[in-house]
PDB file of N, CA and C in Angstrom:
ATOM      1  N   MET A   1     -28.839  -1.057   4.073  1.00  0.00           N
ATOM      2  CA  MET A   1     -28.674  -2.397   4.577  1.00  0.00           C
ATOM      3  C   MET A   1     -29.782  -2.651   5.592  1.00  0.00           C
ATOM      4  N   LEU A   2     -30.342  -3.836   5.590  1.00  0.00           N
ATOM      5  CA  LEU A   2     -31.438  -4.215   6.474  1.00  0.00           C
ATOM      6  C   LEU A   2     -30.886  -4.946   7.691  1.00  0.00           C
ATOM      7  N   ASP A   3     -31.221  -4.459   8.879  1.00  0.00           N
ATOM      8  CA  ASP A   3     -30.794  -5.098  10.120  1.00  0.00           C
ATOM      9  C   ASP A   3     -31.647  -6.340  10.362  1.00  0.00           C
ATOM     10  N   ILE A   4     -31.034  -7.477  10.582  1.00  0.00           N
ATOM     11  CA  ILE A   4     -31.753  -8.739  10.742  1.00  0.00           C
ATOM     12  C   ILE A   4     -32.517  -8.772  12.062  1.00  0.00           C
ATOM     13  N   ASP A   5     -31.934  -8.236  13.132  1.00  0.00           N
ATOM     14  CA  ASP A   5     -32.571  -8.311  14.447  1.00  0.00           C
ATOM     15  C   ASP A   5     -33.820  -7.442  14.544  1.00  0.00           C
ATOM     16  N   THR A   6     -33.713  -6.179  14.108  1.00  0.00           N
ATOM     17  CA  THR A   6     -34.832  -5.245  14.274  1.00  0.00           C
ATOM     18  C   THR A   6     -35.679  -5.105  13.021  1.00  0.00           C
ATOM     19  N   GLY A   7     -35.155  -5.452  11.863  1.00  0.00           N
ATOM     20  CA  GLY A   7     -35.899  -5.334  10.625  1.00  0.00           C
ATOM     21  C   GLY A   7     -35.946  -3.926  10.067  1.00  0.00           C
ATOM     22  N   GLU A   8     -35.136  -3.029  10.612  1.00  0.00           N
ATOM     23  CA  GLU A   8     -35.140  -1.647  10.136  1.00  0.00           C
ATOM     24  C   GLU A   8     -33.957  -1.389   9.209  1.00  0.00           C
ATOM     25  N   GLN A   9     -34.079  -0.363   8.419  1.00  0.00           N
ATOM     26  CA  GLN A   9     -33.036   0.010   7.464  1.00  0.00           C
ATOM     27  C   GLN A   9     -31.955   0.800   8.193  1.00  0.00           C
ATOM     28  N   ILE A  10     -30.691   0.375   8.073  1.00  0.00           N
ATOM     29  CA  ILE A  10     -29.581   1.111   8.679  1.00  0.00           C
ATOM     30  C   ILE A  10     -28.585   1.477   7.598  1.00  0.00           C
ATOM     31  N   GLU A  11     -27.855   2.539   7.847  1.00  0.00           N
ATOM     32  CA  GLU A  11     -26.862   2.989   6.880  1.00  0.00           C
ATOM     33  C   GLU A  11     -25.573   2.187   7.075  1.00  0.00           C
ATOM     34  N   ALA A  12     -24.873   1.933   5.982  1.00  0.00           N
ATOM     35  CA  ALA A  12     -23.626   1.169   6.040  1.00  0.00           C
ATOM     36  C   ALA A  12     -22.601   1.810   5.118  1.00  0.00           C
ATOM     37  N   LEU A  13     -21.335   1.596   5.420  1.00  0.00           N
ATOM     38  CA  LEU A  13     -20.244   2.073   4.598  1.00  0.00           C
ATOM     39  C   LEU A  13     -19.674   0.884   3.844  1.00  0.00           C
ATOM     40  N   TYR A  14     -19.574   1.002   2.535  1.00  0.00           N
ATOM     41  CA  TYR A  14     -19.050  -0.065   1.685  1.00  0.00           C
ATOM     42  C   TYR A  14     -17.647   0.325   1.244  1.00  0.00           C
ATOM     43  N   LYS A  15     -16.665  -0.521   1.565  1.00  0.00           N
ATOM     44  CA  LYS A  15     -15.278  -0.256   1.191  1.00  0.00           C
ATOM     45  C   LYS A  15     -14.803  -1.319   0.209  1.00  0.00           C
ATOM     46  N   MET A  16     -14.132  -0.885  -0.839  1.00  0.00           N
ATOM     47  CA  MET A  16     -13.499  -1.787  -1.795  1.00  0.00           C
ATOM     48  C   MET A  16     -12.011  -1.840  -1.446  1.00  0.00           C
ATOM     49  N   VAL A  17     -11.522  -3.047  -1.202  1.00  0.00           N
ATOM     50  CA  VAL A  17     -10.168  -3.232  -0.700  1.00  0.00           C
ATOM     51  C   VAL A  17      -9.416  -4.212  -1.581  1.00  0.00           C
ATOM     52  N   GLN A  18      -8.140  -3.913  -1.835  1.00  0.00           N
ATOM     53  CA  GLN A  18      -7.254  -4.817  -2.559  1.00  0.00           C
ATOM     54  C   GLN A  18      -6.181  -5.298  -1.595  1.00  0.00           C
ATOM     55  N   ILE A  19      -5.914  -6.593  -1.610  1.00  0.00           N
ATOM     56  CA  ILE A  19      -4.834  -7.144  -0.801  1.00  0.00           C
ATOM     57  C   ILE A  19      -3.744  -7.601  -1.757  1.00  0.00           C
ATOM     58  N   LYS A  20      -2.604  -6.965  -1.660  1.00  0.00           N
ATOM     59  CA  LYS A  20      -1.509  -7.247  -2.580  1.00  0.00           C
ATOM     60  C   LYS A  20      -0.209  -7.315  -1.787  1.00  0.00           C
ATOM     61  N   GLY A  21       0.470  -8.435  -1.884  1.00  0.00           N
ATOM     62  CA  GLY A  21       1.734  -8.596  -1.180  1.00  0.00           C
ATOM     63  C   GLY A  21       1.580  -8.544   0.329  1.00  0.00           C
ATOM     64  N   GLY A  22       0.448  -8.980   0.843  1.00  0.00           N
ATOM     65  CA  GLY A  22       0.211  -8.963   2.276  1.00  0.00           C
ATOM     66  C   GLY A  22      -0.206  -7.606   2.817  1.00  0.00           C
ATOM     67  N   LYS A  23      -0.360  -6.614   1.950  1.00  0.00           N
ATOM     68  CA  LYS A  23      -0.768  -5.279   2.373  1.00  0.00           C
ATOM     69  C   LYS A  23      -2.200  -5.011   1.933  1.00  0.00           C
ATOM     70  N   ARG A  24      -2.921  -4.289   2.743  1.00  0.00           N
ATOM     71  CA  ARG A  24      -4.314  -3.943   2.484  1.00  0.00           C
ATOM     72  C   ARG A  24      -4.375  -2.521   1.938  1.00  0.00           C
ATOM     73  N   ILE A  25      -4.904  -2.371   0.724  1.00  0.00           N
ATOM     74  CA  ILE A  25      -4.972  -1.072   0.071  1.00  0.00           C
ATOM     75  C   ILE A  25      -6.436  -0.739  -0.184  1.00  0.00           C
ATOM     76  N   GLU A  26      -6.920   0.370   0.414  1.00  0.00           N
ATOM     77  CA  GLU A  26      -8.306   0.791   0.192  1.00  0.00           C
ATOM     78  C   GLU A  26      -8.384   1.530  -1.127  1.00  0.00           C
ATOM     79  N   LYS A  27      -9.301   1.095  -1.987  1.00  0.00           N
ATOM     80  CA  LYS A  27      -9.454   1.694  -3.307  1.00  0.00           C
ATOM     81  C   LYS A  27     -10.630   2.658  -3.374  1.00  0.00           C
ATOM     82  N   PHE A  28     -11.713   2.356  -2.656  1.00  0.00           N
ATOM     83  CA  PHE A  28     -12.941   3.132  -2.814  1.00  0.00           C
ATOM     84  C   PHE A  28     -13.821   2.917  -1.603  1.00  0.00           C
ATOM     85  N   GLN A  29     -14.563   3.955  -1.182  1.00  0.00           N
ATOM     86  CA  GLN A  29     -15.541   3.783  -0.121  1.00  0.00           C
ATOM     87  C   GLN A  29     -16.737   4.705  -0.362  1.00  0.00           C
ATOM     88  N   THR A  30     -17.922   4.211  -0.058  1.00  0.00           N
ATOM     89  CA  THR A  30     -19.147   4.960  -0.257  1.00  0.00           C
ATOM     90  C   THR A  30     -20.238   4.387   0.626  1.00  0.00           C
ATOM     91  N   THR A  31     -21.324   5.144   0.795  1.00  0.00           N
ATOM     92  CA  THR A  31     -22.469   4.640   1.549  1.00  0.00           C
ATOM     93  C   THR A  31     -23.561   4.120   0.620  1.00  0.00           C
ATOM     94  N   ASP A  32     -23.360   4.224  -0.680  1.00  0.00           N
ATOM     95  CA  ASP A  32     -24.354   3.784  -1.659  1.00  0.00           C
ATOM     96  C   ASP A  32     -23.904   2.464  -2.288  1.00  0.00           C
ATOM     97  N   ILE A  33     -24.711   1.422  -2.140  1.00  0.00           N
ATOM     98  CA  ILE A  33     -24.350   0.099  -2.657  1.00  0.00           C
ATOM     99  C   ILE A  33     -24.274   0.094  -4.182  1.00  0.00           C
ATOM    100  N   ASN A  34     -25.144   0.858  -4.840  1.00  0.00           N
ATOM    101  CA  ASN A  34     -25.118   0.887  -6.302  1.00  0.00           C
ATOM    102  C   ASN A  34     -23.827   1.502  -6.836  1.00  0.00           C
ATOM    103  N   ARG A  35     -23.334   2.572  -6.206  1.00  0.00           N
ATOM    104  CA  ARG A  35     -22.055   3.161  -6.615  1.00  0.00           C
ATOM    105  C   ARG A  35     -20.904   2.191  -6.380  1.00  0.00           C
ATOM    106  N   ALA A  36     -20.959   1.446  -5.273  1.00  0.00           N
ATOM    107  CA  ALA A  36     -19.908   0.481  -4.965  1.00  0.00           C
ATOM    108  C   ALA A  36     -19.867  -0.629  -6.008  1.00  0.00           C
ATOM    109  N   LEU A  37     -21.036  -1.134  -6.398  1.00  0.00           N
ATOM    110  CA  LEU A  37     -21.081  -2.194  -7.410  1.00  0.00           C
ATOM    111  C   LEU A  37     -20.651  -1.681  -8.780  1.00  0.00           C
ATOM    112  N   ARG A  38     -21.041  -0.443  -9.105  1.00  0.00           N
ATOM    113  CA  ARG A  38     -20.625   0.154 -10.375  1.00  0.00           C
ATOM    114  C   ARG A  38     -19.107   0.338 -10.425  1.00  0.00           C
ATOM    115  N   PHE A  39     -18.508   0.800  -9.306  1.00  0.00           N
ATOM    116  CA  PHE A  39     -17.060   0.956  -9.255  1.00  0.00           C
ATOM    117  C   PHE A  39     -16.373  -0.393  -9.408  1.00  0.00           C
ATOM    118  N   HIS A  40     -16.894  -1.420  -8.741  1.00  0.00           N
ATOM    119  CA  HIS A  40     -16.276  -2.746  -8.840  1.00  0.00           C
ATOM    120  C   HIS A  40     -16.335  -3.276 -10.269  1.00  0.00           C
ATOM    121  N   ARG A  41     -17.469  -3.091 -10.922  1.00  0.00           N
ATOM    122  CA  ARG A  41     -17.621  -3.534 -12.318  1.00  0.00           C
ATOM    123  C   ARG A  41     -16.610  -2.811 -13.217  1.00  0.00           C
ATOM    124  N   TRP A  42     -16.462  -1.504 -13.029  1.00  0.00           N
ATOM    125  CA  TRP A  42     -15.505  -0.729 -13.816  1.00  0.00           C
ATOM    126  C   TRP A  42     -14.070  -1.191 -13.528  1.00  0.00           C
ATOM    127  N   TYR A  43     -13.733  -1.421 -12.256  1.00  0.00           N
ATOM    128  CA  TYR A  43     -12.388  -1.817 -11.867  1.00  0.00           C
ATOM    129  C   TYR A  43     -12.018  -3.170 -12.468  1.00  0.00           C
ATOM    130  N   VAL A  44     -12.960  -4.116 -12.462  1.00  0.00           N
ATOM    131  CA  VAL A  44     -12.698  -5.441 -13.024  1.00  0.00           C
ATOM    132  C   VAL A  44     -12.484  -5.349 -14.528  1.00  0.00           C
ATOM    133  N   LYS A  45     -13.289  -4.531 -15.224  1.00  0.00           N
ATOM    134  CA  LYS A  45     -13.101  -4.369 -16.670  1.00  0.00           C
ATOM    135  C   LYS A  45     -11.742  -3.758 -16.981  1.00  0.00           C
ATOM    136  N   ARG A  46     -11.336  -2.778 -16.198  1.00  0.00           N
ATOM    137  CA  ARG A  46     -10.098  -2.053 -16.479  1.00  0.00           C
ATOM    138  C   ARG A  46      -8.844  -2.841 -16.117  1.00  0.00           C
ATOM    139  N   TYR A  47      -8.813  -3.422 -14.920  1.00  0.00           N
ATOM    140  CA  TYR A  47      -7.591  -4.049 -14.409  1.00  0.00           C
ATOM    141  C   TYR A  47      -7.607  -5.576 -14.420  1.00  0.00           C
ATOM    142  N   LYS A  48      -8.721  -6.195 -14.778  1.00  0.00           N
ATOM    143  CA  LYS A  48      -8.839  -7.660 -14.862  1.00  0.00           C
ATOM    144  C   LYS A  48      -8.532  -8.362 -13.534  1.00  0.00           C
ATOM    145  N   GLU A  49      -8.898  -7.724 -12.428  1.00  0.00           N
ATOM    146  CA  GLU A  49      -8.772  -8.350 -11.109  1.00  0.00           C
ATOM    147  C   GLU A  49      -9.867  -7.796 -10.206  1.00  0.00           C
ATOM    148  N   GLY A  50     -10.293  -8.593  -9.260  1.00  0.00           N
ATOM    149  CA  GLY A  50     -11.395  -8.200  -8.386  1.00  0.00           C
ATOM    150  C   GLY A  50     -10.919  -7.557  -7.099  1.00  0.00           C
ATOM    151  N   LEU A  51     -11.872  -7.008  -6.362  1.00  0.00           N
ATOM    152  CA  LEU A  51     -11.610  -6.385  -5.075  1.00  0.00           C
ATOM    153  C   LEU A  51     -12.482  -7.041  -4.013  1.00  0.00           C
ATOM    154  N   LEU A  52     -12.056  -6.944  -2.771  1.00  0.00           N
ATOM    155  CA  LEU A  52     -12.857  -7.414  -1.653  1.00  0.00           C
ATOM    156  C   LEU A  52     -13.781  -6.286  -1.211  1.00  0.00           C
ATOM    157  N   THR A  53     -14.984  -6.633  -0.763  1.00  0.00           N
ATOM    158  CA  THR A  53     -15.933  -5.638  -0.282  1.00  0.00           C
ATOM    159  C   THR A  53     -16.120  -5.803   1.215  1.00  0.00           C
ATOM    160  N   GLU A  54     -15.918  -4.712   1.955  1.00  0.00           N
ATOM    161  CA  GLU A  54     -16.176  -4.701   3.387  1.00  0.00           C
ATOM    162  C   GLU A  54     -17.438  -3.895   3.628  1.00  0.00           C
ATOM    163  N   ILE A  55     -18.310  -4.383   4.483  1.00  0.00           N
ATOM    164  CA  ILE A  55     -19.535  -3.676   4.827  1.00  0.00           C
ATOM    165  C   ILE A  55     -19.474  -3.341   6.304  1.00  0.00           C
ATOM    166  N   LEU A  56     -19.434  -2.049   6.615  1.00  0.00           N
ATOM    167  CA  LEU A  56     -19.349  -1.586   7.991  1.00  0.00           C
ATOM    168  C   LEU A  56     -20.638  -0.861   8.363  1.00  0.00           C
ATOM    169  N   PRO A  57     -21.415  -1.384   9.322  1.00  0.00           N
ATOM    170  CA  PRO A  57     -22.663  -0.723   9.705  1.00  0.00           C
ATOM    171  C   PRO A  57     -22.404   0.535  10.532  1.00  0.00           C
ATOM    172  N   LYS A  58     -23.359   1.448  10.473  1.00  0.00           N
ATOM    173  CA  LYS A  58     -23.271   2.680  11.247  1.00  0.00           C
ATOM    174  C   LYS A  58     -23.706   2.385  12.674  1.00  0.00           C
ATOM    175  N   LYS A  59     -22.876   2.782  13.652  1.00  0.00           N
ATOM    176  CA  LYS A  59     -23.184   2.506  15.048  1.00  0.00           C
ATOM    177  C   LYS A  59     -23.297   3.810  15.828  1.00  0.00           C
ATOM    178  N   LYS A  60     -24.162   3.777  16.823  1.00  0.00           N
ATOM    179  CA  LYS A  60     -24.350   4.931  17.696  1.00  0.00           C
ATOM    180  C   LYS A  60     -23.397   4.804  18.879  1.00  0.00           C
ATOM    181  N   VAL A  61     -22.622   5.862  19.140  1.00  0.00           N
ATOM    182  CA  VAL A  61     -21.674   5.875  20.255  1.00  0.00           C
ATOM    183  C   VAL A  61     -22.060   7.028  21.178  1.00  0.00           C
ATOM    184  N   TYR A  62     -22.349   6.722  22.434  1.00  0.00           N
ATOM    185  CA  TYR A  62     -22.752   7.739  23.399  1.00  0.00           C
ATOM    186  C   TYR A  62     -21.567   8.090  24.282  1.00  0.00           C
ATOM    187  N   ASP A  63     -21.217   9.380  24.339  1.00  0.00           N
ATOM    188  CA  ASP A  63     -20.156   9.872  25.206  1.00  0.00           C
ATOM    189  C   ASP A  63     -20.819  10.415  26.471  1.00  0.00           C
ATOM    190  N   TRP A  64     -20.715   9.678  27.566  1.00  0.00           N
ATOM    191  CA  TRP A  64     -21.427  10.047  28.784  1.00  0.00           C
ATOM    192  C   TRP A  64     -20.834  11.267  29.471  1.00  0.00           C
ATOM    193  N   LYS A  65     -19.552  11.551  29.239  1.00  0.00           N
ATOM    194  CA  LYS A  65     -18.940  12.724  29.878  1.00  0.00           C
ATOM    195  C   LYS A  65     -19.465  14.017  29.273  1.00  0.00           C
ATOM    196  N   GLU A  66     -19.573  14.028  27.952  1.00  0.00           N
ATOM    197  CA  GLU A  66     -20.033  15.236  27.266  1.00  0.00           C
ATOM    198  C   GLU A  66     -21.521  15.199  26.958  1.00  0.00           C
ATOM    199  N   LYS A  67     -22.176  14.099  27.297  1.00  0.00           N
ATOM    200  CA  LYS A  67     -23.607  13.910  27.013  1.00  0.00           C
ATOM    201  C   LYS A  67     -23.905  14.159  25.535  1.00  0.00           C
ATOM    202  N   LYS A  68     -23.142  13.444  24.698  1.00  0.00           N
ATOM    203  CA  LYS A  68     -23.214  13.649  23.264  1.00  0.00           C
ATOM    204  C   LYS A  68     -23.298  12.303  22.553  1.00  0.00           C
ATOM    205  N   VAL A  69     -24.052  12.240  21.454  1.00  0.00           N
ATOM    206  CA  VAL A  69     -24.195  11.033  20.673  1.00  0.00           C
ATOM    207  C   VAL A  69     -23.466  11.237  19.339  1.00  0.00           C
ATOM    208  N   ASP A  70     -22.583  10.318  18.998  1.00  0.00           N
ATOM    209  CA  ASP A  70     -21.873  10.343  17.717  1.00  0.00           C
ATOM    210  C   ASP A  70     -22.194   9.066  16.962  1.00  0.00           C
ATOM    211  N   TYR A  71     -22.130   9.152  15.648  1.00  0.00           N
ATOM    212  CA  TYR A  71     -22.340   7.986  14.797  1.00  0.00           C
ATOM    213  C   TYR A  71     -21.039   7.687  14.062  1.00  0.00           C
ATOM    214  N   THR A  72     -20.594   6.413  14.130  1.00  0.00           N
ATOM    215  CA  THR A  72     -19.372   6.007  13.459  1.00  0.00           C
ATOM    216  C   THR A  72     -19.631   4.723  12.683  1.00  0.00           C
ATOM    217  N   PHE A  73     -18.774   4.467  11.724  1.00  0.00           N
ATOM    218  CA  PHE A  73     -18.819   3.203  10.983  1.00  0.00           C
ATOM    219  C   PHE A  73     -17.747   2.300  11.573  1.00  0.00           C
ATOM    220  N   GLU A  74     -18.156   1.145  12.085  1.00  0.00           N
ATOM    221  CA  GLU A  74     -17.202   0.202  12.674  1.00  0.00           C
ATOM    222  C   GLU A  74     -17.334  -1.147  12.048  1.00  0.00           C
TER     223      GLU A  74
END
């Protein structure tokens, strides 16, 4: 995924989600957009219904107590 502000490539997590009966059900997650699109295409052919796609960018989280940097998807 391309960051609009800095213009650099950042990693993102792609989640395929189904909302049924007011409940959110995660079906698939990956960091590769091509795998996510392939899964969605297969799911639509098989079940005749679509899924929602969530895109979560990778963020840097600094823990000042332990002086440690962690990366999370938020």
